Amino acid sequence: MAQFRVEFVLDQASGKYLAEMYHPDNQAELLVRTEALYPTEAAAVLGLVQLFKNAVLQFPQPGEPVRKIGKPKQAKAAKKAKKAKKAKKAKRGKKRK
């Protein structure tokens, strides 16, 4: 089971705490860093716990289809324009030969 290393760091400029989460397999790889939002280290811990809770609440229920995150779908007009441009290029290439 993956275990993340989390460090809470005091930002000297603002005097507030931020959280840094590191990759479970490569402890030197920083995955994510929050902004310096938290007035105390305890508040930073609670803030990070709340982030995880919010993420878990968005998980699909058992039996629900999983939403895939991918490239946003292009509008139909944009697809048609791209296809027409590609066809025009191909047609020009044939004329030159």
PDB file of N, CA and C in Angstrom:
ATOM      1  N   MET A   1       0.838  -1.177   0.000  1.00  0.00           N
ATOM      2  CA  MET A   1       0.000   0.000   0.000  1.00  0.00           C
ATOM      3  C   MET A   1       0.886   1.244   0.000  1.00  0.00           C
ATOM      4  N   ALA A   2       0.530   2.203  -0.843  1.00  0.00           N
ATOM      5  CA  ALA A   2       1.316   3.429  -0.959  1.00  0.00           C
ATOM      6  C   ALA A   2       1.166   4.283   0.296  1.00  0.00           C
ATOM      7  N   GLN A   3       2.271   4.824   0.732  1.00  0.00           N
ATOM      8  CA  GLN A   3       2.260   5.745   1.870  1.00  0.00           C
ATOM      9  C   GLN A   3       2.954   7.027   1.437  1.00  0.00           C
ATOM     10  N   PHE A   4       2.251   8.114   1.538  1.00  0.00           N
ATOM     11  CA  PHE A   4       2.803   9.401   1.158  1.00  0.00           C
ATOM     12  C   PHE A   4       3.521  10.027   2.347  1.00  0.00           C
ATOM     13  N   ARG A   5       4.606  10.703   2.041  1.00  0.00           N
ATOM     14  CA  ARG A   5       5.291  11.477   3.076  1.00  0.00           C
ATOM     15  C   ARG A   5       4.803  12.907   2.926  1.00  0.00           C
ATOM     16  N   VAL A   6       4.339  13.480   4.025  1.00  0.00           N
ATOM     17  CA  VAL A   6       3.847  14.852   4.017  1.00  0.00           C
ATOM     18  C   VAL A   6       4.674  15.654   5.006  1.00  0.00           C
ATOM     19  N   GLU A   7       5.120  16.818   4.564  1.00  0.00           N
ATOM     20  CA  GLU A   7       5.863  17.718   5.443  1.00  0.00           C
ATOM     21  C   GLU A   7       5.127  19.046   5.501  1.00  0.00           C
ATOM     22  N   PHE A   8       5.104  19.641   6.673  1.00  0.00           N
ATOM     23  CA  PHE A   8       4.485  20.942   6.870  1.00  0.00           C
ATOM     24  C   PHE A   8       5.608  21.942   7.094  1.00  0.00           C
ATOM     25  N   VAL A   9       5.622  22.968   6.264  1.00  0.00           N
ATOM     26  CA  VAL A   9       6.744  23.904   6.229  1.00  0.00           C
ATOM     27  C   VAL A   9       6.236  25.308   6.528  1.00  0.00           C
ATOM     28  N   LEU A  10       6.978  26.028   7.367  1.00  0.00           N
ATOM     29  CA  LEU A  10       6.647  27.419   7.670  1.00  0.00           C
ATOM     30  C   LEU A  10       7.224  28.303   6.573  1.00  0.00           C
ATOM     31  N   ASP A  11       6.362  29.065   5.910  1.00  0.00           N
ATOM     32  CA  ASP A  11       6.792  30.014   4.888  1.00  0.00           C
ATOM     33  C   ASP A  11       7.261  31.278   5.601  1.00  0.00           C
ATOM     34  N   GLN A  12       8.543  31.570   5.492  1.00  0.00           N
ATOM     35  CA  GLN A  12       9.127  32.698   6.224  1.00  0.00           C
ATOM     36  C   GLN A  12       8.527  34.036   5.780  1.00  0.00           C
ATOM     37  N   ALA A  13       8.202  34.158   4.518  1.00  0.00           N
ATOM     38  CA  ALA A  13       7.685  35.428   3.995  1.00  0.00           C
ATOM     39  C   ALA A  13       6.312  35.778   4.571  1.00  0.00           C
ATOM     40  N   SER A  14       5.431  34.782   4.652  1.00  0.00           N
ATOM     41  CA  SER A  14       4.066  35.055   5.107  1.00  0.00           C
ATOM     42  C   SER A  14       3.838  34.691   6.573  1.00  0.00           C
ATOM     43  N   GLY A  15       4.695  33.836   7.116  1.00  0.00           N
ATOM     44  CA  GLY A  15       4.501  33.378   8.495  1.00  0.00           C
ATOM     45  C   GLY A  15       3.431  32.302   8.613  1.00  0.00           C
ATOM     46  N   LYS A  16       3.002  31.764   7.461  1.00  0.00           N
ATOM     47  CA  LYS A  16       1.973  30.718   7.456  1.00  0.00           C
ATOM     48  C   LYS A  16       2.580  29.403   6.989  1.00  0.00           C
ATOM     49  N   TYR A  17       1.845  28.312   7.241  1.00  0.00           N
ATOM     50  CA  TYR A  17       2.327  26.976   6.902  1.00  0.00           C
ATOM     51  C   TYR A  17       1.766  26.508   5.566  1.00  0.00           C
ATOM     52  N   LEU A  18       2.557  25.673   4.894  1.00  0.00           N
ATOM     53  CA  LEU A  18       2.124  25.001   3.677  1.00  0.00           C
ATOM     54  C   LEU A  18       2.416  23.517   3.845  1.00  0.00           C
ATOM     55  N   ALA A  19       1.792  22.699   3.004  1.00  0.00           N
ATOM     56  CA  ALA A  19       1.998  21.254   3.054  1.00  0.00           C
ATOM     57  C   ALA A  19       2.642  20.803   1.760  1.00  0.00           C
ATOM     58  N   GLU A  20       3.605  19.890   1.870  1.00  0.00           N
ATOM     59  CA  GLU A  20       4.256  19.280   0.712  1.00  0.00           C
ATOM     60  C   GLU A  20       4.045  17.774   0.796  1.00  0.00           C
ATOM     61  N   MET A  21       3.588  17.170  -0.299  1.00  0.00           N
ATOM     62  CA  MET A  21       3.369  15.729  -0.334  1.00  0.00           C
ATOM     63  C   MET A  21       4.317  15.124  -1.357  1.00  0.00           C
ATOM     64  N   TYR A  22       5.013  14.060  -0.944  1.00  0.00           N
ATOM     65  CA  TYR A  22       6.022  13.419  -1.777  1.00  0.00           C
ATOM     66  C   TYR A  22       5.547  12.068  -2.290  1.00  0.00           C
ATOM     67  N   HIS A  23       6.065  11.656  -3.436  1.00  0.00           N
ATOM     68  CA  HIS A  23       5.709  10.405  -4.105  1.00  0.00           C
ATOM     69  C   HIS A  23       6.048   9.211  -3.202  1.00  0.00           C
ATOM     70  N   PRO A  24       5.156   8.221  -3.116  1.00  0.00           N
ATOM     71  CA  PRO A  24       5.410   7.069  -2.232  1.00  0.00           C
ATOM     72  C   PRO A  24       6.585   6.197  -2.673  1.00  0.00           C
ATOM     73  N   ASP A  25       6.838   6.093  -3.975  1.00  0.00           N
ATOM     74  CA  ASP A  25       7.922   5.235  -4.449  1.00  0.00           C
ATOM     75  C   ASP A  25       9.249   5.975  -4.577  1.00  0.00           C
ATOM     76  N   ASN A  26       9.175   7.290  -4.781  1.00  0.00           N
ATOM     77  CA  ASN A  26      10.383   8.105  -4.920  1.00  0.00           C
ATOM     78  C   ASN A  26      10.254   9.266  -3.944  1.00  0.00           C
ATOM     79  N   GLN A  27      10.797   9.101  -2.763  1.00  0.00           N
ATOM     80  CA  GLN A  27      10.607  10.079  -1.701  1.00  0.00           C
ATOM     81  C   GLN A  27      11.201  11.450  -2.011  1.00  0.00           C
ATOM     82  N   ALA A  28      12.063  11.544  -3.006  1.00  0.00           N
ATOM     83  CA  ALA A  28      12.640  12.835  -3.369  1.00  0.00           C
ATOM     84  C   ALA A  28      11.734  13.617  -4.325  1.00  0.00           C
ATOM     85  N   GLU A  29      10.732  12.943  -4.903  1.00  0.00           N
ATOM     86  CA  GLU A  29       9.859  13.572  -5.898  1.00  0.00           C
ATOM     87  C   GLU A  29       8.664  14.245  -5.234  1.00  0.00           C
ATOM     88  N   LEU A  30       8.635  15.561  -5.332  1.00  0.00           N
ATOM     89  CA  LEU A  30       7.520  16.338  -4.780  1.00  0.00           C
ATOM     90  C   LEU A  30       6.316  16.191  -5.699  1.00  0.00           C
ATOM     91  N   LEU A  31       5.187  15.746  -5.162  1.00  0.00           N
ATOM     92  CA  LEU A  31       3.967  15.592  -5.955  1.00  0.00           C
ATOM     93  C   LEU A  31       3.146  16.869  -5.970  1.00  0.00           C
ATOM     94  N   VAL A  32       2.949  17.431  -4.799  1.00  0.00           N
ATOM     95  CA  VAL A  32       2.086  18.599  -4.708  1.00  0.00           C
ATOM     96  C   VAL A  32       2.487  19.448  -3.505  1.00  0.00           C
ATOM     97  N   ARG A  33       2.273  20.744  -3.661  1.00  0.00           N
ATOM     98  CA  ARG A  33       2.549  21.687  -2.564  1.00  0.00           C
ATOM     99  C   ARG A  33       1.358  22.630  -2.484  1.00  0.00           C
ATOM    100  N   THR A  34       0.838  22.827  -1.288  1.00  0.00           N
ATOM    101  CA  THR A  34      -0.257  23.776  -1.119  1.00  0.00           C
ATOM    102  C   THR A  34       0.327  25.187  -1.034  1.00  0.00           C
ATOM    103  N   GLU A  35      -0.533  26.151  -1.099  1.00  0.00           N
ATOM    104  CA  GLU A  35      -0.102  27.522  -0.847  1.00  0.00           C
ATOM    105  C   GLU A  35       0.065  27.688   0.659  1.00  0.00           C
ATOM    106  N   ALA A  36       0.788  28.703   1.064  1.00  0.00           N
ATOM    107  CA  ALA A  36       0.959  28.988   2.493  1.00  0.00           C
ATOM    108  C   ALA A  36      -0.323  29.650   2.997  1.00  0.00           C
ATOM    109  N   LEU A  37      -1.267  28.802   3.437  1.00  0.00           N
ATOM    110  CA  LEU A  37      -2.590  29.278   3.833  1.00  0.00           C
ATOM    111  C   LEU A  37      -2.856  29.160   5.319  1.00  0.00           C
ATOM    112  N   TYR A  38      -2.120  28.296   5.983  1.00  0.00           N
ATOM    113  CA  TYR A  38      -2.502  27.861   7.316  1.00  0.00           C
ATOM    114  C   TYR A  38      -1.744  28.617   8.402  1.00  0.00           C
ATOM    115  N   PRO A  39      -2.480  29.132   9.393  1.00  0.00           N
ATOM    116  CA  PRO A  39      -1.827  29.918  10.447  1.00  0.00           C
ATOM    117  C   PRO A  39      -0.946  29.090  11.388  1.00  0.00           C
ATOM    118  N   THR A  40      -1.278  27.805  11.549  1.00  0.00           N
ATOM    119  CA  THR A  40      -0.494  26.934  12.425  1.00  0.00           C
ATOM    120  C   THR A  40      -0.238  25.604  11.723  1.00  0.00           C
ATOM    121  N   GLU A  41       0.700  24.833  12.265  1.00  0.00           N
ATOM    122  CA  GLU A  41       0.974  23.511  11.696  1.00  0.00           C
ATOM    123  C   GLU A  41      -0.242  22.598  11.858  1.00  0.00           C
ATOM    124  N   ALA A  42      -0.924  22.712  12.993  1.00  0.00           N
ATOM    125  CA  ALA A  42      -2.128  21.903  13.228  1.00  0.00           C
ATOM    126  C   ALA A  42      -3.211  22.230  12.199  1.00  0.00           C
ATOM    127  N   ALA A  43      -3.361  23.502  11.863  1.00  0.00           N
ATOM    128  CA  ALA A  43      -4.341  23.902  10.852  1.00  0.00           C
ATOM    129  C   ALA A  43      -3.963  23.333   9.491  1.00  0.00           C
ATOM    130  N   ALA A  44      -2.657  23.259   9.211  1.00  0.00           N
ATOM    131  CA  ALA A  44      -2.189  22.681   7.949  1.00  0.00           C
ATOM    132  C   ALA A  44      -2.528  21.197   7.882  1.00  0.00           C
ATOM    133  N   VAL A  45      -2.360  20.495   8.994  1.00  0.00           N
ATOM    134  CA  VAL A  45      -2.706  19.068   9.043  1.00  0.00           C
ATOM    135  C   VAL A  45      -4.198  18.894   8.771  1.00  0.00           C
ATOM    136  N   LEU A  46      -5.021  19.662   9.457  1.00  0.00           N
ATOM    137  CA  LEU A  46      -6.468  19.559   9.264  1.00  0.00           C
ATOM    138  C   LEU A  46      -6.878  19.950   7.839  1.00  0.00           C
ATOM    139  N   GLY A  47      -6.215  20.937   7.270  1.00  0.00           N
ATOM    140  CA  GLY A  47      -6.501  21.341   5.895  1.00  0.00           C
ATOM    141  C   GLY A  47      -6.194  20.236   4.910  1.00  0.00           C
ATOM    142  N   LEU A  48      -5.083  19.543   5.120  1.00  0.00           N
ATOM    143  CA  LEU A  48      -4.712  18.443   4.227  1.00  0.00           C
ATOM    144  C   LEU A  48      -5.683  17.268   4.379  1.00  0.00           C
ATOM    145  N   VAL A  49      -6.095  16.985   5.620  1.00  0.00           N
ATOM    146  CA  VAL A  49      -7.086  15.927   5.851  1.00  0.00           C
ATOM    147  C   VAL A  49      -8.380  16.271   5.113  1.00  0.00           C
ATOM    148  N   GLN A  50      -8.782  17.540   5.162  1.00  0.00           N
ATOM    149  CA  GLN A  50     -10.004  17.964   4.481  1.00  0.00           C
ATOM    150  C   GLN A  50      -9.876  17.811   2.969  1.00  0.00           C
ATOM    151  N   LEU A  51      -8.687  18.095   2.417  1.00  0.00           N
ATOM    152  CA  LEU A  51      -8.465  17.892   0.980  1.00  0.00           C
ATOM    153  C   LEU A  51      -8.685  16.435   0.595  1.00  0.00           C
ATOM    154  N   PHE A  52      -8.146  15.517   1.398  1.00  0.00           N
ATOM    155  CA  PHE A  52      -8.325  14.092   1.121  1.00  0.00           C
ATOM    156  C   PHE A  52      -9.790  13.690   1.256  1.00  0.00           C
ATOM    157  N   LYS A  53     -10.475  14.195   2.282  1.00  0.00           N
ATOM    158  CA  LYS A  53     -11.897  13.871   2.457  1.00  0.00           C
ATOM    159  C   LYS A  53     -12.703  14.316   1.249  1.00  0.00           C
ATOM    160  N   ASN A  54     -12.447  15.526   0.781  1.00  0.00           N
ATOM    161  CA  ASN A  54     -13.175  16.037  -0.384  1.00  0.00           C
ATOM    162  C   ASN A  54     -12.915  15.184  -1.620  1.00  0.00           C
ATOM    163  N   ALA A  55     -11.685  14.736  -1.781  1.00  0.00           N
ATOM    164  CA  ALA A  55     -11.346  13.890  -2.930  1.00  0.00           C
ATOM    165  C   ALA A  55     -12.060  12.547  -2.833  1.00  0.00           C
ATOM    166  N   VAL A  56     -12.089  11.958  -1.641  1.00  0.00           N
ATOM    167  CA  VAL A  56     -12.734  10.651  -1.452  1.00  0.00           C
ATOM    168  C   VAL A  56     -14.235  10.751  -1.696  1.00  0.00           C
ATOM    169  N   LEU A  57     -14.836  11.853  -1.310  1.00  0.00           N
ATOM    170  CA  LEU A  57     -16.278  12.007  -1.515  1.00  0.00           C
ATOM    171  C   LEU A  57     -16.642  12.080  -2.990  1.00  0.00           C
ATOM    172  N   GLN A  58     -15.675  12.366  -3.852  1.00  0.00           N
ATOM    173  CA  GLN A  58     -15.939  12.436  -5.286  1.00  0.00           C
ATOM    174  C   GLN A  58     -15.678  11.111  -5.996  1.00  0.00           C
ATOM    175  N   PHE A  59     -15.230  10.091  -5.270  1.00  0.00           N
ATOM    176  CA  PHE A  59     -15.031   8.771  -5.871  1.00  0.00           C
ATOM    177  C   PHE A  59     -16.380   8.223  -6.315  1.00  0.00           C
ATOM    178  N   PRO A  60     -16.417   7.481  -7.415  1.00  0.00           N
ATOM    179  CA  PRO A  60     -17.693   6.884  -7.835  1.00  0.00           C
ATOM    180  C   PRO A  60     -18.125   5.788  -6.855  1.00  0.00           C
ATOM    181  N   GLN A  61     -19.424   5.623  -6.723  1.00  0.00           N
ATOM    182  CA  GLN A  61     -19.971   4.573  -5.870  1.00  0.00           C
ATOM    183  C   GLN A  61     -19.734   3.224  -6.544  1.00  0.00           C
ATOM    184  N   PRO A  62     -19.675   2.139  -5.755  1.00  0.00           N
ATOM    185  CA  PRO A  62     -19.500   0.815  -6.363  1.00  0.00           C
ATOM    186  C   PRO A  62     -20.588   0.557  -7.402  1.00  0.00           C
ATOM    187  N   GLY A  63     -20.180   0.096  -8.562  1.00  0.00           N
ATOM    188  CA  GLY A  63     -21.112  -0.184  -9.652  1.00  0.00           C
ATOM    189  C   GLY A  63     -21.289   0.973 -10.618  1.00  0.00           C
ATOM    190  N   GLU A  64     -20.894   2.185 -10.216  1.00  0.00           N
ATOM    191  CA  GLU A  64     -20.981   3.340 -11.115  1.00  0.00           C
ATOM    192  C   GLU A  64     -19.819   3.306 -12.095  1.00  0.00           C
ATOM    193  N   PRO A  65     -20.045   3.786 -13.313  1.00  0.00           N
ATOM    194  CA  PRO A  65     -18.919   3.842 -14.262  1.00  0.00           C
ATOM    195  C   PRO A  65     -17.897   4.884 -13.796  1.00  0.00           C
ATOM    196  N   VAL A  66     -16.650   4.607 -14.067  1.00  0.00           N
ATOM    197  CA  VAL A  66     -15.569   5.505 -13.687  1.00  0.00           C
ATOM    198  C   VAL A  66     -15.420   6.573 -14.759  1.00  0.00           C
ATOM    199  N   ARG A  67     -15.353   7.832 -14.331  1.00  0.00           N
ATOM    200  CA  ARG A  67     -15.140   8.924 -15.284  1.00  0.00           C
ATOM    201  C   ARG A  67     -13.673   8.961 -15.647  1.00  0.00           C
ATOM    202  N   LYS A  68     -13.399   8.996 -16.940  1.00  0.00           N
ATOM    203  CA  LYS A  68     -12.014   9.060 -17.396  1.00  0.00           C
ATOM    204  C   LYS A  68     -11.661  10.505 -17.669  1.00  0.00           C
ATOM    205  N   ILE A  69     -10.466  10.873 -17.266  1.00  0.00           N
ATOM    206  CA  ILE A  69      -9.981  12.221 -17.521  1.00  0.00           C
ATOM    207  C   ILE A  69      -9.068  12.146 -18.729  1.00  0.00           C
ATOM    208  N   GLY A  70      -9.388  12.916 -19.730  1.00  0.00           N
ATOM    209  CA  GLY A  70      -8.591  12.906 -20.945  1.00  0.00           C
ATOM    210  C   GLY A  70      -8.597  14.282 -21.573  1.00  0.00           C
ATOM    211  N   LYS A  71      -8.248  14.295 -22.850  1.00  0.00           N
ATOM    212  CA  LYS A  71      -8.266  15.564 -23.555  1.00  0.00           C
ATOM    213  C   LYS A  71      -9.713  16.033 -23.680  1.00  0.00           C
ATOM    214  N   PRO A  72      -9.958  17.333 -23.521  1.00  0.00           N
ATOM    215  CA  PRO A  72     -11.320  17.827 -23.711  1.00  0.00           C
ATOM    216  C   PRO A  72     -11.750  17.634 -25.155  1.00  0.00           C
ATOM    217  N   LYS A  73     -13.015  17.326 -25.331  1.00  0.00           N
ATOM    218  CA  LYS A  73     -13.534  17.087 -26.676  1.00  0.00           C
ATOM    219  C   LYS A  73     -13.641  18.412 -27.422  1.00  0.00           C
ATOM    220  N   GLN A  74     -13.247  18.370 -28.684  1.00  0.00           N
ATOM    221  CA  GLN A  74     -13.337  19.563 -29.517  1.00  0.00           C
ATOM    222  C   GLN A  74     -14.777  19.753 -29.970  1.00  0.00           C
ATOM    223  N   ALA A  75     -15.127  20.979 -30.202  1.00  0.00           N
ATOM    224  CA  ALA A  75     -16.451  21.278 -30.740  1.00  0.00           C
ATOM    225  C   ALA A  75     -16.525  20.740 -32.168  1.00  0.00           C
ATOM    226  N   LYS A  76     -17.719  20.388 -32.598  1.00  0.00           N
ATOM    227  CA  LYS A  76     -17.897  19.823 -33.938  1.00  0.00           C
ATOM    228  C   LYS A  76     -17.387  20.761 -35.023  1.00  0.00           C
ATOM    229  N   ALA A  77     -17.639  22.046 -34.892  1.00  0.00           N
ATOM    230  CA  ALA A  77     -17.203  23.007 -35.912  1.00  0.00           C
ATOM    231  C   ALA A  77     -15.677  23.033 -35.998  1.00  0.00           C
ATOM    232  N   ALA A  78     -15.018  22.981 -34.874  1.00  0.00           N
ATOM    233  CA  ALA A  78     -13.560  22.989 -34.856  1.00  0.00           C
ATOM    234  C   ALA A  78     -13.007  21.727 -35.507  1.00  0.00           C
ATOM    235  N   LYS A  79     -13.661  20.590 -35.247  1.00  0.00           N
ATOM    236  CA  LYS A  79     -13.231  19.326 -35.855  1.00  0.00           C
ATOM    237  C   LYS A  79     -13.381  19.384 -37.373  1.00  0.00           C
ATOM    238  N   LYS A  80     -14.518  19.918 -37.845  1.00  0.00           N
ATOM    239  CA  LYS A  80     -14.765  20.010 -39.282  1.00  0.00           C
ATOM    240  C   LYS A  80     -13.730  20.917 -39.942  1.00  0.00           C
ATOM    241  N   ALA A  81     -13.435  22.042 -39.310  1.00  0.00           N
ATOM    242  CA  ALA A  81     -12.465  22.981 -39.870  1.00  0.00           C
ATOM    243  C   ALA A  81     -11.085  22.339 -39.950  1.00  0.00           C
ATOM    244  N   LYS A  82     -10.719  21.607 -38.919  1.00  0.00           N
ATOM    245  CA  LYS A  82      -9.416  20.939 -38.892  1.00  0.00           C
ATOM    246  C   LYS A  82      -9.347  19.878 -39.984  1.00  0.00           C
ATOM    247  N   LYS A  83     -10.439  19.124 -40.149  1.00  0.00           N
ATOM    248  CA  LYS A  83     -10.497  18.073 -41.167  1.00  0.00           C
ATOM    249  C   LYS A  83     -10.403  18.681 -42.567  1.00  0.00           C
ATOM    250  N   ALA A  84     -11.108  19.800 -42.796  1.00  0.00           N
ATOM    251  CA  ALA A  84     -11.093  20.462 -44.096  1.00  0.00           C
ATOM    252  C   ALA A  84      -9.697  20.988 -44.415  1.00  0.00           C
ATOM    253  N   LYS A  85      -9.041  21.544 -43.422  1.00  0.00           N
ATOM    254  CA  LYS A  85      -7.693  22.079 -43.608  1.00  0.00           C
ATOM    255  C   LYS A  85      -6.724  20.958 -43.964  1.00  0.00           C
ATOM    256  N   LYS A  86      -6.868  19.820 -43.292  1.00  0.00           N
ATOM    257  CA  LYS A  86      -6.009  18.665 -43.550  1.00  0.00           C
ATOM    258  C   LYS A  86      -6.244  18.131 -44.968  1.00  0.00           C
ATOM    259  N   ALA A  87      -7.510  18.072 -45.391  1.00  0.00           N
ATOM    260  CA  ALA A  87      -7.852  17.590 -46.731  1.00  0.00           C
ATOM    261  C   ALA A  87      -7.296  18.539 -47.793  1.00  0.00           C
ATOM    262  N   LYS A  88      -7.362  19.843 -47.525  1.00  0.00           N
ATOM    263  CA  LYS A  88      -6.850  20.843 -48.458  1.00  0.00           C
ATOM    264  C   LYS A  88      -5.342  20.697 -48.627  1.00  0.00           C
ATOM    265  N   LYS A  89      -4.636  20.455 -47.530  1.00  0.00           N
ATOM    266  CA  LYS A  89      -3.183  20.249 -47.576  1.00  0.00           C
ATOM    267  C   LYS A  89      -2.850  19.012 -48.398  1.00  0.00           C
ATOM    268  N   ALA A  90      -3.594  17.943 -48.163  1.00  0.00           N
ATOM    269  CA  ALA A  90      -3.348  16.692 -48.885  1.00  0.00           C
ATOM    270  C   ALA A  90      -3.592  16.881 -50.378  1.00  0.00           C
ATOM    271  N   LYS A  91      -4.618  17.651 -50.722  1.00  0.00           N
ATOM    272  CA  LYS A  91      -4.954  17.904 -52.118  1.00  0.00           C
ATOM    273  C   LYS A  91      -3.845  18.714 -52.795  1.00  0.00           C
ATOM    274  N   ARG A  92      -3.316  19.724 -52.076  1.00  0.00           N
ATOM    275  CA  ARG A  92      -2.213  20.522 -52.621  1.00  0.00           C
ATOM    276  C   ARG A  92      -0.973  19.666 -52.842  1.00  0.00           C
ATOM    277  N   GLY A  93      -0.717  18.752 -51.936  1.00  0.00           N
ATOM    278  CA  GLY A  93       0.442  17.869 -52.048  1.00  0.00           C
ATOM    279  C   GLY A  93       0.348  16.977 -53.278  1.00  0.00           C
ATOM    280  N   LYS A  94      -0.833  16.524 -53.616  1.00  0.00           N
ATOM    281  CA  LYS A  94      -1.033  15.669 -54.793  1.00  0.00           C
ATOM    282  C   LYS A  94      -0.827  16.452 -56.090  1.00  0.00           C
ATOM    283  N   LYS A  95      -1.239  17.731 -56.110  1.00  0.00           N
ATOM    284  CA  LYS A  95      -1.098  18.557 -57.312  1.00  0.00           C
ATOM    285  C   LYS A  95       0.367  18.810 -57.631  1.00  0.00           C
ATOM    286  N   ARG A  96       1.205  18.918 -56.637  1.00  0.00           N
ATOM    287  CA  ARG A  96       2.618  19.209 -56.831  1.00  0.00           C
ATOM    288  C   ARG A  96       3.363  18.032 -57.428  1.00  0.00           C
ATOM    289  N   LYS A  97       2.880  16.835 -57.230  1.00  0.00           N
ATOM    290  CA  LYS A  97       3.582  15.631 -57.725  1.00  0.00           C
ATOM    291  C   LYS A  97       3.401  15.430 -59.143  1.00  0.00           C
TER     292      LYS A  97
END
